[in-house]
N, C-alpha and C. Protein backbone atom coordinates (compact mmCIF):
# COMPACT_ATOMS: atom_id res chain seq x y z
N MET A 1 157.09 -128.78 -65.35
CA MET A 1 158.26 -129.09 -66.75
C MET A 1 157.70 -129.52 -67.74
N LYS A 2 157.86 -129.41 -69.24
CA LYS A 2 157.36 -129.45 -70.01
C LYS A 2 158.67 -130.59 -70.67
N LYS A 3 157.63 -131.80 -71.43
CA LYS A 3 158.89 -132.54 -72.05
C LYS A 3 158.56 -132.97 -73.20
N PHE A 4 159.51 -133.45 -74.16
CA PHE A 4 159.50 -132.84 -75.85
C PHE A 4 160.29 -134.16 -76.41
N THR A 5 160.21 -134.60 -77.69
CA THR A 5 160.95 -135.73 -78.16
C THR A 5 161.12 -134.78 -79.46
N PHE A 6 162.57 -135.25 -79.67
CA PHE A 6 162.84 -134.32 -81.25
C PHE A 6 163.66 -135.26 -81.79
N ASN A 7 162.98 -135.39 -83.56
CA ASN A 7 164.12 -136.61 -84.08
C ASN A 7 164.93 -135.51 -85.19
N ILE A 8 165.98 -135.11 -85.00
CA ILE A 8 166.93 -134.27 -85.60
C ILE A 8 167.93 -135.13 -86.62
N ASN A 9 168.21 -135.28 -87.76
CA ASN A 9 169.02 -136.27 -88.59
C ASN A 9 169.26 -137.47 -88.46
N GLY A 10 167.66 -137.70 -87.83
CA GLY A 10 167.77 -139.08 -87.57
C GLY A 10 168.38 -139.67 -86.13
N ASN A 11 168.85 -138.52 -85.37
CA ASN A 11 168.73 -138.76 -83.78
C ASN A 11 167.71 -138.41 -83.32
N GLN A 12 167.11 -139.08 -81.95
CA GLN A 12 166.18 -138.76 -81.01
C GLN A 12 166.29 -138.26 -79.81
N TYR A 13 166.23 -136.75 -79.54
CA TYR A 13 166.69 -136.22 -78.48
C TYR A 13 165.38 -136.18 -77.43
N ASP A 14 165.74 -136.39 -76.41
CA ASP A 14 164.53 -136.38 -74.86
C ASP A 14 164.88 -135.02 -74.43
N VAL A 15 163.97 -134.10 -74.64
CA VAL A 15 163.92 -132.92 -73.86
C VAL A 15 163.31 -132.18 -73.06
N GLU A 16 163.50 -132.21 -72.14
CA GLU A 16 162.79 -131.22 -70.93
C GLU A 16 162.84 -129.81 -70.29
N ILE A 17 162.08 -128.95 -70.49
CA ILE A 17 161.89 -127.57 -70.31
C ILE A 17 161.66 -126.99 -69.09
N GLY A 18 162.77 -126.39 -68.01
CA GLY A 18 162.24 -126.14 -66.78
C GLY A 18 162.01 -125.10 -66.56
N ASP A 19 161.98 -124.24 -65.46
CA ASP A 19 162.18 -123.06 -64.99
C ASP A 19 162.20 -121.90 -66.54
N ILE A 20 161.60 -120.75 -66.38
CA ILE A 20 162.02 -119.72 -67.58
C ILE A 20 161.98 -118.65 -66.78
N GLU A 21 162.69 -117.63 -66.64
CA GLU A 21 162.81 -116.45 -66.46
C GLU A 21 163.48 -115.68 -66.59
N GLU A 22 162.56 -114.79 -67.32
CA GLU A 22 163.16 -113.75 -68.01
C GLU A 22 163.60 -114.27 -69.63
N ASN A 23 164.71 -114.58 -69.89
CA ASN A 23 165.42 -114.79 -70.86
C ASN A 23 165.96 -116.09 -70.78
N LYS A 24 166.23 -116.58 -69.75
CA LYS A 24 166.61 -117.88 -69.14
C LYS A 24 166.11 -119.25 -69.02
N ALA A 25 166.47 -120.10 -69.27
CA ALA A 25 165.93 -121.19 -69.05
C ALA A 25 166.88 -122.12 -68.50
N GLN A 26 166.25 -123.26 -67.34
CA GLN A 26 166.62 -125.08 -67.60
C GLN A 26 166.30 -125.76 -68.36
N VAL A 27 167.26 -126.25 -69.43
CA VAL A 27 166.76 -127.46 -70.32
C VAL A 27 167.43 -128.78 -70.09
N SER A 28 166.88 -129.98 -70.13
CA SER A 28 167.86 -131.34 -70.13
C SER A 28 167.78 -131.62 -71.42
N VAL A 29 168.66 -131.84 -72.21
CA VAL A 29 168.74 -132.88 -73.52
C VAL A 29 169.38 -134.11 -73.01
N ASN A 30 168.43 -135.43 -73.47
CA ASN A 30 168.50 -136.69 -73.02
C ASN A 30 169.58 -136.65 -71.68
N GLY A 31 169.32 -135.76 -70.70
CA GLY A 31 169.57 -136.59 -69.43
C GLY A 31 170.84 -135.32 -68.67
N THR A 32 170.95 -134.26 -69.87
CA THR A 32 172.65 -133.65 -69.67
C THR A 32 171.90 -132.16 -69.41
N ASN A 33 171.81 -131.33 -68.30
CA ASN A 33 171.17 -129.86 -67.76
C ASN A 33 172.39 -128.71 -68.85
N TYR A 34 171.21 -128.00 -68.78
CA TYR A 34 171.73 -126.99 -69.77
C TYR A 34 170.82 -125.64 -68.84
N ASP A 35 171.83 -124.61 -69.01
CA ASP A 35 171.32 -123.22 -68.40
C ASP A 35 171.54 -121.98 -69.69
N ILE A 36 170.49 -122.50 -70.32
CA ILE A 36 170.70 -121.31 -71.63
C ILE A 36 170.20 -119.80 -71.28
N GLU A 37 170.19 -119.27 -72.43
CA GLU A 37 169.62 -117.76 -72.34
C GLU A 37 168.87 -117.32 -73.65
N MET A 38 168.15 -117.04 -73.91
CA MET A 38 167.43 -116.98 -74.89
C MET A 38 167.47 -115.38 -75.38
N ASP A 39 167.23 -114.88 -76.96
CA ASP A 39 167.41 -114.20 -77.97
C ASP A 39 166.34 -112.81 -77.17
N ARG A 40 165.15 -113.48 -77.07
CA ARG A 40 164.22 -112.25 -76.53
C ARG A 40 163.52 -112.82 -75.49
N ASP A 41 162.88 -111.85 -74.46
CA ASP A 41 162.45 -112.12 -73.02
C ASP A 41 161.16 -112.79 -73.56
N ILE A 42 160.57 -113.96 -73.09
CA ILE A 42 159.55 -114.76 -73.53
C ILE A 42 158.78 -113.89 -72.15
N LYS A 43 157.30 -113.31 -72.88
CA LYS A 43 156.55 -112.76 -72.42
C LYS A 43 155.34 -114.19 -71.67
N PRO A 44 155.03 -113.69 -70.54
CA PRO A 44 153.65 -114.86 -69.85
C PRO A 44 152.42 -114.76 -71.06
N SER A 45 152.01 -115.55 -71.06
CA SER A 45 150.68 -115.80 -72.23
C SER A 45 149.50 -114.93 -71.04
N LYS A 46 149.13 -114.63 -71.70
CA LYS A 46 147.88 -113.65 -71.12
C LYS A 46 146.69 -114.39 -70.74
N THR A 47 145.95 -114.29 -70.29
CA THR A 47 144.36 -115.44 -69.87
C THR A 47 143.67 -115.34 -70.74
N PRO A 48 143.32 -116.39 -71.71
CA PRO A 48 142.05 -116.29 -72.89
C PRO A 48 141.06 -115.55 -72.50
N LYS A 49 140.61 -115.25 -73.60
CA LYS A 49 139.46 -114.57 -73.76
C LYS A 49 138.00 -115.87 -73.74
N LEU A 50 136.95 -115.92 -73.08
CA LEU A 50 136.18 -116.88 -73.41
C LEU A 50 135.12 -116.21 -74.16
N VAL A 51 135.24 -116.81 -75.62
CA VAL A 51 134.06 -116.57 -76.60
C VAL A 51 133.06 -117.54 -76.86
N ARG A 52 131.82 -116.87 -76.38
CA ARG A 52 130.04 -117.48 -76.61
C ARG A 52 129.57 -117.37 -77.74
N SER A 53 129.10 -118.12 -77.93
CA SER A 53 128.52 -117.57 -79.18
C SER A 53 127.30 -117.01 -78.76
N LYS A 54 126.43 -116.06 -79.61
CA LYS A 54 125.35 -115.16 -78.88
C LYS A 54 124.24 -115.76 -78.59
N LEU A 55 123.25 -116.15 -77.51
CA LEU A 55 122.13 -117.19 -77.38
C LEU A 55 121.13 -116.08 -77.09
N ASN A 56 119.70 -116.42 -77.45
CA ASN A 56 118.70 -115.96 -77.72
C ASN A 56 117.97 -116.31 -76.19
N PRO A 57 117.88 -115.81 -75.59
CA PRO A 57 116.70 -116.16 -74.03
C PRO A 57 115.56 -116.92 -74.74
N ILE A 58 115.63 -117.91 -73.97
CA ILE A 58 114.23 -118.64 -74.16
C ILE A 58 112.97 -117.80 -74.70
N THR A 59 113.11 -117.02 -73.50
CA THR A 59 111.60 -116.03 -74.06
C THR A 59 111.54 -115.59 -75.13
N ASP A 60 111.96 -115.43 -75.76
CA ASP A 60 112.27 -114.54 -77.54
C ASP A 60 111.88 -115.71 -77.92
N ALA A 61 112.08 -116.71 -78.00
CA ALA A 61 111.72 -118.14 -78.77
C ALA A 61 109.78 -117.92 -78.98
N VAL A 62 109.48 -117.77 -77.95
CA VAL A 62 107.97 -117.63 -78.35
C VAL A 62 107.24 -115.90 -78.41
N GLU A 63 106.88 -115.64 -78.82
CA GLU A 63 106.03 -114.50 -79.36
C GLU A 63 106.01 -113.84 -78.29
N SER A 64 106.41 -112.48 -77.53
CA SER A 64 105.90 -111.96 -76.69
C SER A 64 104.61 -111.85 -76.68
N LYS A 65 103.63 -112.14 -75.52
CA LYS A 65 102.23 -111.17 -74.95
C LYS A 65 101.92 -110.63 -74.10
N PRO A 66 101.66 -109.27 -73.57
CA PRO A 66 101.70 -108.59 -72.83
C PRO A 66 101.35 -109.07 -71.39
N LYS A 67 101.53 -109.23 -70.49
CA LYS A 67 101.24 -109.85 -68.98
C LYS A 67 100.44 -109.23 -68.38
N THR A 68 100.05 -107.79 -68.46
CA THR A 68 99.53 -107.03 -67.88
C THR A 68 98.31 -106.22 -68.75
N SER A 69 97.35 -105.85 -68.52
CA SER A 69 96.89 -104.52 -69.29
C SER A 69 96.17 -103.77 -68.41
N SER A 70 95.55 -102.43 -68.73
CA SER A 70 94.66 -101.62 -68.51
C SER A 70 93.58 -102.02 -67.75
N PRO A 71 93.24 -102.46 -66.36
CA PRO A 71 91.93 -102.64 -65.80
C PRO A 71 90.81 -102.08 -66.04
N ASP A 72 89.54 -102.70 -67.13
CA ASP A 72 88.77 -102.08 -67.12
C ASP A 72 87.45 -102.01 -65.61
N LYS A 73 86.17 -101.56 -66.10
CA LYS A 73 85.59 -102.20 -64.60
C LYS A 73 85.20 -103.37 -64.19
N ALA A 74 84.66 -103.82 -65.32
CA ALA A 74 84.43 -105.53 -64.82
C ALA A 74 85.35 -106.10 -64.63
N ALA A 75 86.97 -105.81 -65.03
CA ALA A 75 87.87 -107.09 -64.47
C ALA A 75 88.23 -106.68 -62.83
N VAL A 76 88.11 -105.48 -62.64
CA VAL A 76 88.65 -105.20 -61.24
C VAL A 76 87.30 -105.30 -60.24
N ALA A 77 86.29 -105.85 -60.58
CA ALA A 77 85.07 -105.56 -59.46
C ALA A 77 84.81 -106.93 -58.93
N GLY A 78 85.25 -107.21 -58.22
CA GLY A 78 84.99 -108.18 -57.13
C GLY A 78 86.64 -108.93 -57.33
N GLY A 79 86.36 -110.37 -56.53
CA GLY A 79 87.76 -111.01 -56.35
C GLY A 79 88.33 -111.53 -55.82
N VAL A 80 89.68 -111.73 -55.45
CA VAL A 80 90.19 -112.02 -54.13
C VAL A 80 91.48 -111.49 -54.47
N ILE A 81 92.44 -111.18 -53.12
CA ILE A 81 93.17 -110.27 -52.56
C ILE A 81 94.49 -111.51 -52.00
N LYS A 82 95.39 -112.09 -52.90
CA LYS A 82 96.47 -113.23 -52.15
C LYS A 82 97.73 -112.65 -51.30
N SER A 83 98.57 -113.03 -51.00
CA SER A 83 99.08 -112.60 -50.02
C SER A 83 100.67 -112.89 -51.21
N PRO A 84 101.41 -111.94 -51.41
CA PRO A 84 102.02 -111.50 -52.29
C PRO A 84 103.63 -112.19 -51.54
N LEU A 85 103.73 -112.43 -50.55
CA LEU A 85 104.98 -112.84 -49.78
C LEU A 85 104.43 -113.81 -48.21
N PRO A 86 104.92 -114.88 -47.96
CA PRO A 86 105.24 -115.63 -46.41
C PRO A 86 105.11 -114.52 -45.87
N GLY A 87 104.48 -114.61 -44.33
CA GLY A 87 104.81 -113.52 -42.93
C GLY A 87 103.69 -113.53 -42.07
N THR A 88 103.59 -112.50 -41.53
CA THR A 88 102.51 -112.27 -40.69
C THR A 88 101.69 -111.24 -40.16
N ILE A 89 100.44 -111.32 -40.53
CA ILE A 89 99.53 -110.46 -40.23
C ILE A 89 99.44 -109.16 -39.32
N LEU A 90 100.12 -108.13 -39.47
CA LEU A 90 100.09 -107.40 -38.44
C LEU A 90 99.14 -106.55 -38.29
N ASP A 91 98.35 -105.84 -39.08
CA ASP A 91 97.10 -105.42 -39.11
C ASP A 91 96.01 -105.11 -40.31
N ILE A 92 95.07 -105.19 -40.06
CA ILE A 92 93.94 -105.26 -40.24
C ILE A 92 93.09 -104.07 -40.73
N HIS A 93 92.99 -103.07 -41.56
CA HIS A 93 92.67 -101.83 -42.02
C HIS A 93 91.23 -101.87 -42.36
N ILE A 94 90.74 -102.64 -42.72
CA ILE A 94 88.93 -102.79 -42.76
C ILE A 94 88.43 -103.99 -42.13
N LYS A 95 87.16 -103.72 -42.61
CA LYS A 95 86.28 -104.72 -41.91
C LYS A 95 85.45 -105.07 -42.81
N GLU A 96 84.53 -106.88 -42.59
CA GLU A 96 83.72 -107.07 -43.50
C GLU A 96 82.68 -105.92 -44.20
N GLY A 97 82.26 -106.43 -44.76
CA GLY A 97 80.90 -105.43 -45.38
C GLY A 97 81.21 -104.21 -45.91
N ALA A 98 82.28 -103.93 -45.46
CA ALA A 98 82.92 -102.41 -46.29
C ALA A 98 83.23 -102.12 -47.52
N GLU A 99 82.84 -100.86 -48.43
CA GLU A 99 83.24 -100.79 -49.59
C GLU A 99 84.80 -100.42 -49.89
N VAL A 100 85.21 -100.92 -50.36
CA VAL A 100 86.77 -100.33 -50.85
C VAL A 100 86.56 -100.21 -52.54
N SER A 101 87.50 -99.59 -52.89
CA SER A 101 88.12 -98.92 -54.03
C SER A 101 89.58 -99.64 -54.76
N ILE A 102 90.20 -99.32 -55.76
CA ILE A 102 91.32 -99.45 -56.44
C ILE A 102 91.89 -98.59 -55.11
N GLY A 103 93.03 -99.05 -54.53
CA GLY A 103 94.54 -98.36 -53.95
C GLY A 103 94.14 -98.50 -52.30
N THR A 104 92.76 -98.81 -51.93
CA THR A 104 92.20 -98.84 -51.03
C THR A 104 93.05 -99.41 -49.89
N LYS A 105 93.88 -99.00 -48.63
CA LYS A 105 94.90 -99.79 -47.72
C LYS A 105 93.83 -101.03 -47.21
N LEU A 106 94.58 -102.40 -47.09
CA LEU A 106 93.45 -103.66 -46.53
C LEU A 106 94.44 -104.07 -45.09
N MET A 107 95.43 -104.27 -45.93
CA MET A 107 96.09 -105.08 -44.18
C MET A 107 97.50 -104.06 -44.46
N THR A 108 98.30 -104.96 -43.07
CA THR A 108 99.92 -104.87 -43.40
C THR A 108 100.26 -105.95 -42.83
N LEU A 109 101.41 -106.55 -43.48
CA LEU A 109 102.19 -107.86 -43.31
C LEU A 109 103.27 -107.69 -43.18
N GLU A 110 103.87 -108.46 -42.22
CA GLU A 110 105.45 -108.39 -42.06
C GLU A 110 105.90 -109.61 -42.70
N ALA A 111 106.67 -109.42 -43.54
CA ALA A 111 107.84 -110.69 -44.30
C ALA A 111 108.96 -109.80 -44.25
N MET A 112 109.72 -110.89 -43.92
CA MET A 112 110.98 -111.01 -43.86
C MET A 112 111.66 -109.51 -43.55
N LYS A 113 111.10 -109.34 -41.96
CA LYS A 113 111.52 -108.15 -41.02
C LYS A 113 110.64 -107.10 -41.41
N MET A 114 110.46 -106.68 -42.52
CA MET A 114 109.80 -105.57 -43.24
C MET A 114 107.99 -105.96 -42.92
N GLU A 115 107.47 -104.32 -43.01
CA GLU A 115 106.71 -103.76 -43.26
C GLU A 115 105.55 -103.87 -44.41
N ASN A 116 104.53 -104.52 -45.24
CA ASN A 116 104.53 -104.31 -46.43
C ASN A 116 102.87 -103.92 -46.65
N VAL A 117 102.51 -103.22 -47.18
CA VAL A 117 101.19 -102.66 -47.07
C VAL A 117 100.50 -103.25 -48.00
N ILE A 118 99.46 -103.99 -47.43
CA ILE A 118 98.46 -104.74 -49.08
C ILE A 118 97.43 -103.81 -49.32
N ASN A 119 97.53 -103.40 -50.74
CA ASN A 119 96.34 -102.61 -51.25
C ASN A 119 95.41 -103.34 -52.47
N SER A 120 94.19 -103.00 -52.23
CA SER A 120 93.05 -103.51 -52.92
C SER A 120 93.12 -103.04 -54.74
N ASP A 121 93.74 -103.86 -55.46
CA ASP A 121 93.37 -103.93 -56.73
C ASP A 121 92.14 -104.23 -57.36
N LYS A 122 90.91 -103.98 -56.47
CA LYS A 122 89.86 -104.85 -56.81
C LYS A 122 88.58 -103.87 -55.83
N GLU A 123 87.69 -103.14 -57.07
CA GLU A 123 86.59 -102.58 -56.39
C GLU A 123 85.49 -103.26 -55.86
N GLY A 124 85.00 -102.69 -54.56
CA GLY A 124 83.58 -103.55 -54.37
C GLY A 124 83.83 -103.60 -52.84
N LYS A 125 82.24 -104.54 -52.53
CA LYS A 125 82.02 -104.92 -50.93
C LYS A 125 83.06 -105.93 -50.73
N VAL A 126 83.60 -105.91 -49.32
CA VAL A 126 84.87 -106.99 -48.40
C VAL A 126 83.44 -108.37 -47.84
N LEU A 127 83.58 -109.26 -48.74
CA LEU A 127 82.57 -110.27 -48.28
C LEU A 127 83.03 -111.17 -47.10
N SER A 128 84.79 -111.30 -47.17
CA SER A 128 85.16 -112.09 -45.75
C SER A 128 86.64 -111.69 -45.82
N ILE A 129 86.87 -111.99 -44.74
CA ILE A 129 88.41 -111.53 -44.21
C ILE A 129 88.95 -113.21 -43.27
N LYS A 130 89.94 -113.59 -44.62
CA LYS A 130 90.23 -114.95 -44.19
C LYS A 130 91.15 -115.56 -42.96
N PHE A 131 92.26 -113.95 -42.49
CA PHE A 131 93.27 -113.97 -41.41
C PHE A 131 92.73 -113.00 -40.39
N ASP A 132 93.28 -113.00 -39.31
CA ASP A 132 93.46 -112.61 -37.91
C ASP A 132 94.40 -111.67 -38.31
N LYS A 133 94.95 -110.90 -37.15
CA LYS A 133 95.76 -109.81 -37.03
C LYS A 133 96.61 -111.40 -36.30
N GLY A 134 98.23 -111.13 -36.11
CA GLY A 134 98.81 -112.19 -35.53
C GLY A 134 98.80 -113.22 -36.21
N ASP A 135 98.18 -113.92 -37.14
CA ASP A 135 98.25 -115.39 -37.86
C ASP A 135 99.19 -115.12 -38.71
N PRO A 136 99.89 -116.12 -39.24
CA PRO A 136 100.75 -116.29 -40.14
C PRO A 136 100.38 -116.83 -41.53
N VAL A 137 100.79 -116.36 -42.61
CA VAL A 137 100.34 -116.48 -43.97
C VAL A 137 101.43 -117.13 -44.83
N MET A 138 101.20 -117.86 -45.58
CA MET A 138 102.00 -118.10 -47.01
C MET A 138 101.41 -117.60 -48.12
N GLU A 139 102.50 -117.33 -48.83
CA GLU A 139 102.36 -116.84 -50.45
C GLU A 139 101.69 -117.34 -51.34
N GLY A 140 100.63 -116.46 -51.52
CA GLY A 140 99.61 -117.36 -52.48
C GLY A 140 98.47 -117.32 -51.64
N ASP A 141 98.39 -117.55 -50.24
CA ASP A 141 96.69 -117.70 -49.20
C ASP A 141 96.03 -116.54 -49.74
N ILE A 142 94.84 -116.81 -49.59
CA ILE A 142 93.43 -116.15 -49.77
C ILE A 142 93.72 -115.41 -48.38
N LEU A 143 93.90 -113.57 -48.91
CA LEU A 143 93.28 -112.74 -47.29
C LEU A 143 92.15 -112.07 -47.65
N ILE A 144 91.76 -111.94 -48.82
CA ILE A 144 90.30 -111.31 -48.61
C ILE A 144 89.45 -111.57 -49.68
N GLU A 145 87.90 -111.59 -49.59
CA GLU A 145 87.61 -111.91 -50.72
C GLU A 145 86.44 -110.53 -50.90
N ILE A 146 86.47 -110.00 -51.81
CA ILE A 146 85.82 -108.75 -52.58
C ILE A 146 84.75 -109.10 -53.87
N GLY A 147 83.45 -108.68 -53.43
CA GLY A 147 82.05 -108.97 -54.28
C GLY A 147 82.10 -107.63 -54.90
N GLY A 148 81.63 -107.99 -56.19
CA GLY A 148 81.46 -107.02 -56.90
C GLY A 148 80.24 -106.28 -56.79
């Protein structure tokens, strides 16, 4: 119910507007109830649209730099292979001392009930394998060291 106070020609009127259906409404003026009929149908208001000012993502505030580049021979020779996800080592496809190139299948990792093949993104000789088959690993754990 909506309540209003009107002053008309020095007289005060307390008005309460009750239920409105189509062009009929219930109105109380100074405690007296009236059923009124209006000249036109009142259309229900539409849900207002949310208007937001255009926002620039925080990444646009800083000049963007490429996050990756084409690898050259010096950059891909040697380094470490890290676990991309937490999981369990299902299989190890290489041995220490093996020569690997980019794309060589190194391990199979079970993560979130899915098997993920970990391939080499480096070239060189496998210096050490840090985990055994069946071992749990966390994201970012060093799995294999590759020397140049």
